[in-house]
C-alpha atoms as a PDB file:
ATOM      1  CA  MET A   1      83.442  51.754  85.645  1.00  0.00           C
ATOM      2  CA  LEU A   2      85.932  50.360  83.560  1.00  0.00           C
ATOM      3  CA  THR A   3      88.226  48.043  85.252  1.00  0.00           C
ATOM      4  CA  GLY A   4      90.530  47.730  82.428  1.00  0.00           C
ATOM      5  CA  VAL A   5      91.421  46.648  78.785  1.00  0.00           C
ATOM      6  CA  TYR A   6      93.647  44.123  77.918  1.00  0.00           C
ATOM      7  CA  VAL A   7      95.459  42.548  74.512  1.00  0.00           C
ATOM      8  CA  HIS A   8      96.072  38.946  74.115  1.00  0.00           C
ATOM      9  CA  GLY A   9      96.415  36.453  71.238  1.00  0.00           C
ATOM     10  CA  SER A  10      98.784  37.058  68.627  1.00  0.00           C
ATOM     11  CA  PHE A  11      99.250  40.685  68.936  1.00  0.00           C
ATOM     12  CA  ALA A  12     100.200  40.240  72.415  1.00  0.00           C
ATOM     13  CA  MET A  13     102.481  37.230  71.894  1.00  0.00           C
ATOM     14  CA  GLY A  14     104.804  38.944  68.726  1.00  0.00           C
ATOM     15  CA  CYS A  15     102.872  37.285  65.449  1.00  0.00           C
ATOM     16  CA  PHE A  16     100.358  39.852  64.721  1.00  0.00           C
ATOM     17  CA  ASN A  17      99.791  39.547  61.064  1.00  0.00           C
ATOM     18  CA  PRO A  18      97.921  42.499  59.563  1.00  0.00           C
ATOM     19  CA  ALA A  19      96.799  40.674  56.212  1.00  0.00           C
ATOM     20  CA  LYS A  20      95.158  36.975  58.442  1.00  0.00           C
ATOM     21  CA  SER A  21      95.020  38.342  62.273  1.00  0.00           C
ATOM     22  CA  ASP A  22      92.741  40.210  64.043  1.00  0.00           C
ATOM     23  CA  LEU A  23      92.957  42.100  67.121  1.00  0.00           C
ATOM     24  CA  ASP A  24      92.418  40.341  70.676  1.00  0.00           C
ATOM     25  CA  VAL A  25      90.672  42.348  73.324  1.00  0.00           C
ATOM     26  CA  LEU A  26      89.357  41.832  76.957  1.00  0.00           C
ATOM     27  CA  VAL A  27      87.524  44.685  78.361  1.00  0.00           C
ATOM     28  CA  VAL A  28      86.607  44.234  81.701  1.00  0.00           C
ATOM     29  CA  VAL A  29      84.314  46.639  83.851  1.00  0.00           C
ATOM     30  CA  GLU A  30      83.097  46.375  87.468  1.00  0.00           C
ATOM     31  CA  ASP A  31      79.260  46.073  86.806  1.00  0.00           C
ATOM     32  CA  ALA A  32      76.327  45.401  84.681  1.00  0.00           C
ATOM     33  CA  ILE A  33      75.904  47.776  81.860  1.00  0.00           C
ATOM     34  CA  THR A  34      73.386  49.455  80.343  1.00  0.00           C
ATOM     35  CA  ASP A  35      71.731  49.119  76.447  1.00  0.00           C
ATOM     36  CA  LEU A  36      72.594  52.433  75.858  1.00  0.00           C
ATOM     37  CA  GLN A  37      76.041  51.983  77.477  1.00  0.00           C
ATOM     38  CA  LYS A  38      76.239  49.048  75.277  1.00  0.00           C
ATOM     39  CA  LYS A  39      75.330  51.189  72.030  1.00  0.00           C
ATOM     40  CA  MET A  40      77.644  54.096  72.468  1.00  0.00           C
ATOM     41  CA  PHE A  41      80.598  51.064  73.281  1.00  0.00           C
ATOM     42  CA  MET A  42      79.597  49.834  69.625  1.00  0.00           C
ATOM     43  CA  ASP A  43      79.104  52.381  67.958  1.00  0.00           C
ATOM     44  CA  GLU A  44      82.867  52.961  68.828  1.00  0.00           C
ATOM     45  CA  ILE A  45      84.226  50.085  68.775  1.00  0.00           C
ATOM     46  CA  ILE A  46      82.601  49.447  64.942  1.00  0.00           C
ATOM     47  CA  PHE A  47      84.416  53.359  64.043  1.00  0.00           C
ATOM     48  CA  LEU A  48      87.344  51.826  65.858  1.00  0.00           C
ATOM     49  CA  ASN A  49      86.960  48.393  63.535  1.00  0.00           C
ATOM     50  CA  ASN A  50      86.746  50.229  60.362  1.00  0.00           C
ATOM     51  CA  LYS A  51      90.174  51.411  60.512  1.00  0.00           C
ATOM     52  CA  LEU A  52      92.023  48.251  61.429  1.00  0.00           C
ATOM     53  CA  PRO A  53      93.197  45.705  59.147  1.00  0.00           C
ATOM     54  CA  PRO A  54      90.473  43.160  56.813  1.00  0.00           C
ATOM     55  CA  LYS A  55      89.980  41.006  59.873  1.00  0.00           C
ATOM     56  CA  GLY A  56      89.615  43.787  62.579  1.00  0.00           C
ATOM     57  CA  ILE A  57      88.865  43.122  66.387  1.00  0.00           C
ATOM     58  CA  GLU A  58      87.292  40.823  68.407  1.00  0.00           C
ATOM     59  CA  ILE A  59      86.433  42.365  71.827  1.00  0.00           C
ATOM     60  CA  SER A  60      84.638  40.868  74.916  1.00  0.00           C
ATOM     61  CA  VAL A  61      83.033  42.827  77.782  1.00  0.00           C
ATOM     62  CA  VAL A  62      83.483  40.759  81.293  1.00  0.00           C
ATOM     63  CA  ARG A  63      82.641  41.413  84.215  1.00  0.00           C
ATOM     64  CA  SER A  64      85.261  42.026  87.024  1.00  0.00           C
ATOM     65  CA  GLU A  65      83.837  39.550  89.308  1.00  0.00           C
ATOM     66  CA  TYR A  66      84.045  36.306  86.430  1.00  0.00           C
ATOM     67  CA  CYS A  67      87.434  37.284  85.899  1.00  0.00           C
ATOM     68  CA  LYS A  68      88.645  37.025  89.607  1.00  0.00           C
ATOM     69  CA  ASN A  69      86.401  34.278  90.530  1.00  0.00           C
ATOM     70  CA  PHE A  70      86.326  32.123  87.238  1.00  0.00           C
ATOM     71  CA  VAL A  71      83.256  30.647  86.291  1.00  0.00           C
ATOM     72  CA  TYR A  72      82.800  28.363  83.396  1.00  0.00           C
ATOM     73  CA  PRO A  73      81.675  29.077  80.765  1.00  0.00           C
ATOM     74  CA  THR A  74      82.357  32.486  81.490  1.00  0.00           C
ATOM     75  CA  PRO A  75      79.216  35.163  81.416  1.00  0.00           C
ATOM     76  CA  TYR A  76      79.915  38.083  79.072  1.00  0.00           C
ATOM     77  CA  GLU A  77      77.895  41.771  78.924  1.00  0.00           C
ATOM     78  CA  LEU A  78      78.833  42.179  75.174  1.00  0.00           C
ATOM     79  CA  HIS A  79      80.833  40.584  72.582  1.00  0.00           C
ATOM     80  CA  PHE A  80      82.182  42.085  68.652  1.00  0.00           C
ATOM     81  CA  SER A  81      83.738  40.597  66.452  1.00  0.00           C
ATOM     82  CA  ASN A  82      83.706  41.083  61.915  1.00  0.00           C
ATOM     83  CA  MET A  83      81.356  38.204  61.411  1.00  0.00           C
ATOM     84  CA  HIS A  84      78.673  39.961  63.542  1.00  0.00           C
ATOM     85  CA  LEU A  85      79.133  43.531  61.685  1.00  0.00           C
ATOM     86  CA  SER A  86      76.624  42.713  59.356  1.00  0.00           C
ATOM     87  CA  TRP A  87      73.955  41.786  62.032  1.00  0.00           C
ATOM     88  CA  TYR A  88      74.863  45.161  64.123  1.00  0.00           C
ATOM     89  CA  MET A  89      74.046  46.959  61.134  1.00  0.00           C
ATOM     90  CA  SER A  90      70.783  46.030  60.466  1.00  0.00           C
ATOM     91  CA  ASN A  91      69.472  45.631  63.793  1.00  0.00           C
ATOM     92  CA  PRO A  92      71.446  47.256  66.691  1.00  0.00           C
ATOM     93  CA  ALA A  93      68.976  46.767  69.077  1.00  0.00           C
ATOM     94  CA  GLU A  94      68.292  43.426  68.716  1.00  0.00           C
ATOM     95  CA  TYR A  95      72.090  43.132  68.507  1.00  0.00           C
ATOM     96  CA  ILE A  96      72.450  44.547  71.940  1.00  0.00           C
ATOM     97  CA  ARG A  97      69.479  43.372  73.454  1.00  0.00           C
ATOM     98  CA  LYS A  98      70.771  39.432  72.367  1.00  0.00           C
ATOM     99  CA  MET A  99      74.248  39.603  72.587  1.00  0.00           C
ATOM    100  CA  ASN A 100      75.047  38.120  75.580  1.00  0.00           C
ATOM    101  CA  GLY A 101      75.113  35.138  78.065  1.00  0.00           C
ATOM    102  CA  THR A 102      78.225  32.611  78.192  1.00  0.00           C
ATOM    103  CA  ASP A 103      81.286  32.157  76.582  1.00  0.00           C
ATOM    104  CA  ASN A 104      83.078  29.416  76.521  1.00  0.00           C
ATOM    105  CA  ASP A 105      86.014  30.684  74.607  1.00  0.00           C
ATOM    106  CA  LEU A 106      86.543  32.688  77.345  1.00  0.00           C
ATOM    107  CA  ALA A 107      88.465  30.031  79.549  1.00  0.00           C
ATOM    108  CA  ALA A 108      91.430  30.054  76.789  1.00  0.00           C
ATOM    109  CA  HIS A 109      91.347  33.972  76.462  1.00  0.00           C
ATOM    110  CA  PHE A 110      91.481  34.821  80.370  1.00  0.00           C
ATOM    111  CA  PHE A 111      93.902  31.963  80.920  1.00  0.00           C
ATOM    112  CA  ILE A 112      96.473  33.538  78.068  1.00  0.00           C
ATOM    113  CA  THR A 113      96.005  36.874  79.429  1.00  0.00           C
ATOM    114  CA  LYS A 114      96.897  35.563  82.657  1.00  0.00           C
ATOM    115  CA  ARG A 115     100.464  34.528  80.932  1.00  0.00           C
ATOM    116  CA  ARG A 116     101.056  36.603  78.076  1.00  0.00           C
ATOM    117  CA  GLY A 117      98.445  39.051  77.814  1.00  0.00           C
ATOM    118  CA  MET A 118      98.877  42.989  77.566  1.00  0.00           C
ATOM    119  CA  VAL A 119      97.507  46.016  79.610  1.00  0.00           C
ATOM    120  CA  LEU A 120      96.678  48.958  77.636  1.00  0.00           C
ATOM    121  CA  TYR A 121      94.614  50.438  79.874  1.00  0.00           C
ATOM    122  CA  GLY A 122      94.145  50.085  83.892  1.00  0.00           C
ATOM    123  CA  LYS A 123      95.228  47.708  86.334  1.00  0.00           C
ATOM    124  CA  LYS A 124      97.883  44.721  86.421  1.00  0.00           C
ATOM    125  CA  ILE A 125      96.279  41.246  85.007  1.00  0.00           C
ATOM    126  CA  ASP A 126      97.555  39.759  87.598  1.00  0.00           C
ATOM    127  CA  ASP A 127      95.072  41.870  90.049  1.00  0.00           C
ATOM    128  CA  VAL A 128      92.273  41.474  87.655  1.00  0.00           C
ATOM    129  CA  PHE A 129      92.257  37.749  86.382  1.00  0.00           C
ATOM    130  CA  GLY A 130      92.809  35.150  88.574  1.00  0.00           C
ATOM    131  CA  ASP A 131      93.658  30.986  87.841  1.00  0.00           C
ATOM    132  CA  VAL A 132      91.508  29.191  85.333  1.00  0.00           C
ATOM    133  CA  PRO A 133      91.379  25.834  86.179  1.00  0.00           C
ATOM    134  CA  HIS A 134      93.344  23.655  83.907  1.00  0.00           C
ATOM    135  CA  GLU A 135      90.156  21.207  82.999  1.00  0.00           C
ATOM    136  CA  ALA A 136      88.301  24.379  82.122  1.00  0.00           C
ATOM    137  CA  TYR A 137      91.118  25.474  79.862  1.00  0.00           C
ATOM    138  CA  LEU A 138      91.623  22.430  78.082  1.00  0.00           C
ATOM    139  CA  ASP A 139      87.938  21.731  77.328  1.00  0.00           C
ATOM    140  CA  SER A 140      88.018  25.475  76.050  1.00  0.00           C
ATOM    141  CA  ILE A 141      90.460  24.896  73.553  1.00  0.00           C
ATOM    142  CA  ARG A 142      89.306  21.027  72.651  1.00  0.00           C
ATOM    143  CA  ARG A 143      86.234  22.607  71.549  1.00  0.00           C
ATOM    144  CA  ASP A 144      88.089  24.853  69.145  1.00  0.00           C
ATOM    145  CA  ILE A 145      89.201  22.172  67.081  1.00  0.00           C
ATOM    146  CA  MET A 146      86.402  19.468  67.841  1.00  0.00           C
ATOM    147  CA  ASN A 147      85.271  19.607  64.124  1.00  0.00           C
ATOM    148  CA  SER A 148      88.611  20.453  62.541  1.00  0.00           C
ATOM    149  CA  HIS A 149      88.383  17.478  60.332  1.00  0.00           C
ATOM    150  CA  VAL A 150      85.346  19.253  59.018  1.00  0.00           C
ATOM    151  CA  GLU A 151      86.074  22.747  58.900  1.00  0.00           C
ATOM    152  CA  VAL A 152      89.927  22.479  58.223  1.00  0.00           C
ATOM    153  CA  MET A 153      89.401  23.119  54.239  1.00  0.00           C
ATOM    154  CA  GLU A 154      87.251  26.400  55.010  1.00  0.00           C
ATOM    155  CA  ASN A 155      90.688  27.780  57.009  1.00  0.00           C
ATOM    156  CA  PRO A 156      93.734  25.295  56.721  1.00  0.00           C
ATOM    157  CA  VAL A 157      96.308  27.758  58.347  1.00  0.00           C
ATOM    158  CA  TYR A 158      94.265  27.909  62.006  1.00  0.00           C
ATOM    159  CA  PHE A 159      92.776  24.591  62.593  1.00  0.00           C
ATOM    160  CA  ILE A 160      96.652  23.322  61.587  1.00  0.00           C
ATOM    161  CA  LEU A 161      98.418  25.568  63.435  1.00  0.00           C
ATOM    162  CA  ASN A 162      95.627  25.501  66.192  1.00  0.00           C
ATOM    163  CA  LEU A 163      95.914  21.653  66.494  1.00  0.00           C
ATOM    164  CA  CYS A 164      99.786  21.917  66.986  1.00  0.00           C
ATOM    165  CA  ARG A 165      99.597  24.485  69.717  1.00  0.00           C
ATOM    166  CA  VAL A 166      97.081  22.363  71.637  1.00  0.00           C
ATOM    167  CA  LEU A 167      98.888  19.092  71.920  1.00  0.00           C
ATOM    168  CA  ALA A 168     101.752  21.525  73.123  1.00  0.00           C
ATOM    169  CA  TYR A 169      99.790  22.057  75.667  1.00  0.00           C
ATOM    170  CA  VAL A 170      98.237  18.674  76.288  1.00  0.00           C
ATOM    171  CA  GLN A 171     101.790  16.970  76.250  1.00  0.00           C
ATOM    172  CA  GLU A 172     104.081  20.079  77.649  1.00  0.00           C
ATOM    173  CA  ALA A 173     101.783  22.489  79.389  1.00  0.00           C
ATOM    174  CA  LEU A 174     103.325  24.948  76.861  1.00  0.00           C
ATOM    175  CA  VAL A 175     100.855  28.228  76.145  1.00  0.00           C
ATOM    176  CA  LEU A 176     101.645  28.822  72.892  1.00  0.00           C
ATOM    177  CA  SER A 177     101.438  31.291  70.109  1.00  0.00           C
ATOM    178  CA  LYS A 178      99.614  29.779  66.772  1.00  0.00           C
ATOM    179  CA  LYS A 179     103.259  30.294  65.005  1.00  0.00           C
ATOM    180  CA  GLU A 180     105.309  28.791  68.133  1.00  0.00           C
ATOM    181  CA  GLY A 181     103.064  25.834  67.920  1.00  0.00           C
ATOM    182  CA  GLY A 182     103.797  25.041  64.608  1.00  0.00           C
ATOM    183  CA  GLU A 183     107.211  25.521  65.255  1.00  0.00           C
ATOM    184  CA  TRP A 184     106.946  23.235  68.332  1.00  0.00           C
ATOM    185  CA  ALA A 185     105.286  20.677  66.010  1.00  0.00           C
ATOM    186  CA  LEU A 186     107.506  20.645  63.448  1.00  0.00           C
ATOM    187  CA  LYS A 187     110.519  18.896  66.277  1.00  0.00           C
ATOM    188  CA  ASN A 188     108.128  16.908  68.224  1.00  0.00           C
ATOM    189  CA  ILE A 189     106.027  15.479  65.884  1.00  0.00           C
ATOM    190  CA  HIS A 190     107.637  12.368  64.423  1.00  0.00           C
ATOM    191  CA  CYS A 191     105.056  11.750  61.952  1.00  0.00           C
ATOM    192  CA  GLU A 192     107.116  13.445  59.069  1.00  0.00           C
ATOM    193  CA  LYS A 193     104.840  12.770  56.605  1.00  0.00           C
ATOM    194  CA  TYR A 194     102.588  15.904  57.936  1.00  0.00           C
ATOM    195  CA  HIS A 195     105.954  18.440  58.074  1.00  0.00           C
ATOM    196  CA  GLY A 196     105.044  20.216  54.688  1.00  0.00           C
ATOM    197  CA  LEU A 197     101.866  20.523  55.728  1.00  0.00           C
ATOM    198  CA  ILE A 198     102.915  22.086  59.139  1.00  0.00           C
ATOM    199  CA  ASN A 199     105.516  23.859  57.209  1.00  0.00           C
ATOM    200  CA  GLU A 200     103.226  25.211  54.549  1.00  0.00           C
ATOM    201  CA  ALA A 201     101.122  26.583  57.442  1.00  0.00           C
ATOM    202  CA  LEU A 202     103.313  28.211  59.265  1.00  0.00           C
ATOM    203  CA  ILE A 203     104.686  30.099  55.880  1.00  0.00           C
ATOM    204  CA  CYS A 204     100.904  31.290  54.828  1.00  0.00           C
ATOM    205  CA  TYR A 205     100.592  32.245  58.597  1.00  0.00           C
ATOM    206  CA  GLY A 206     103.472  34.887  58.528  1.00  0.00           C
ATOM    207  CA  SER A 207     102.708  35.925  54.982  1.00  0.00           C
ATOM    208  CA  ASP A 208      99.664  37.373  52.420  1.00  0.00           C
ATOM    209  CA  LYS A 209     100.217  33.562  50.672  1.00  0.00           C
ATOM    210  CA  THR A 210      96.636  31.639  51.077  1.00  0.00           C
ATOM    211  CA  MET A 211      96.781  27.958  51.676  1.00  0.00           C
ATOM    212  CA  ASP A 212      95.623  25.260  49.924  1.00  0.00           C
ATOM    213  CA  PRO A 213      96.465  21.533  50.862  1.00  0.00           C
ATOM    214  CA  ASP A 214      95.434  18.400  49.829  1.00  0.00           C
ATOM    215  CA  GLU A 215      92.170  17.624  51.318  1.00  0.00           C
ATOM    216  CA  SER A 216      92.888  14.181  51.761  1.00  0.00           C
ATOM    217  CA  LEU A 217      96.276  15.080  53.597  1.00  0.00           C
ATOM    218  CA  ALA A 218      94.721  17.575  55.931  1.00  0.00           C
ATOM    219  CA  VAL A 219      92.095  15.899  57.217  1.00  0.00           C
ATOM    220  CA  ASP A 220      94.158  12.628  58.092  1.00  0.00           C
ATOM    221  CA  PHE A 221      96.625  14.967  60.073  1.00  0.00           C
ATOM    222  CA  CYS A 222      93.432  16.457  62.401  1.00  0.00           C
ATOM    223  CA  GLU A 223      92.363  12.850  62.965  1.00  0.00           C
ATOM    224  CA  TYR A 224      95.729  11.912  63.844  1.00  0.00           C
ATOM    225  CA  MET A 225      96.152  15.363  66.371  1.00  0.00           C
ATOM    226  CA  LYS A 226      93.388  14.738  67.673  1.00  0.00           C
ATOM    227  CA  ASN A 227      93.243  10.965  68.544  1.00  0.00           C
ATOM    228  CA  VAL A 228      96.768  12.202  70.043  1.00  0.00           C
ATOM    229  CA  ILE A 229      95.504  15.100  71.776  1.00  0.00           C
ATOM    230  CA  GLY A 230      92.771  12.693  73.387  1.00  0.00           C
END
């Protein structure tokens, strides 16, 4: 039985960029779903994904018991994003059999949905999602930036702005989008040598431009931010 469908991420927080953003969705169900149900669901998701902007949809199917009574890392029934598309298309049976387990990222998704999410269908957010402990949310978002100094040049806009919004939470308990995190950082990070980097990331985030920063500066920024975040 379907409990509800909820949008979080950039679309819910008003900074969705069709050229660069994916659509972040949580599907909440009452009970475990069968492999046949998963196959039917995936076929619909692939159909919808083909009609969406380039980055497509990122979607997790989770049971309501874990939304209300949070567990970390959080169990999920099924997950899909564009990075898994080729796997599903080449071997759907294997995908359906193996794409389940637990996901540390769901702590952040639940936390943001609770505060800034949107209902597409079903029950109100407060009736479905309980509180995610501060420690779980913080561990989830820290994991996301752990290797930023190694991976920043692969996706500089993502890592630079994500570091900013993590720091905003650590210092002021603010739950921000990447755009809002970058804007907050320009006002609150007093090491001005990084302001140009952050501003460039913001410009690229809101446009179709690509970012190719100086690698030493980008890596230095990641190390600086991780040190401040702790």
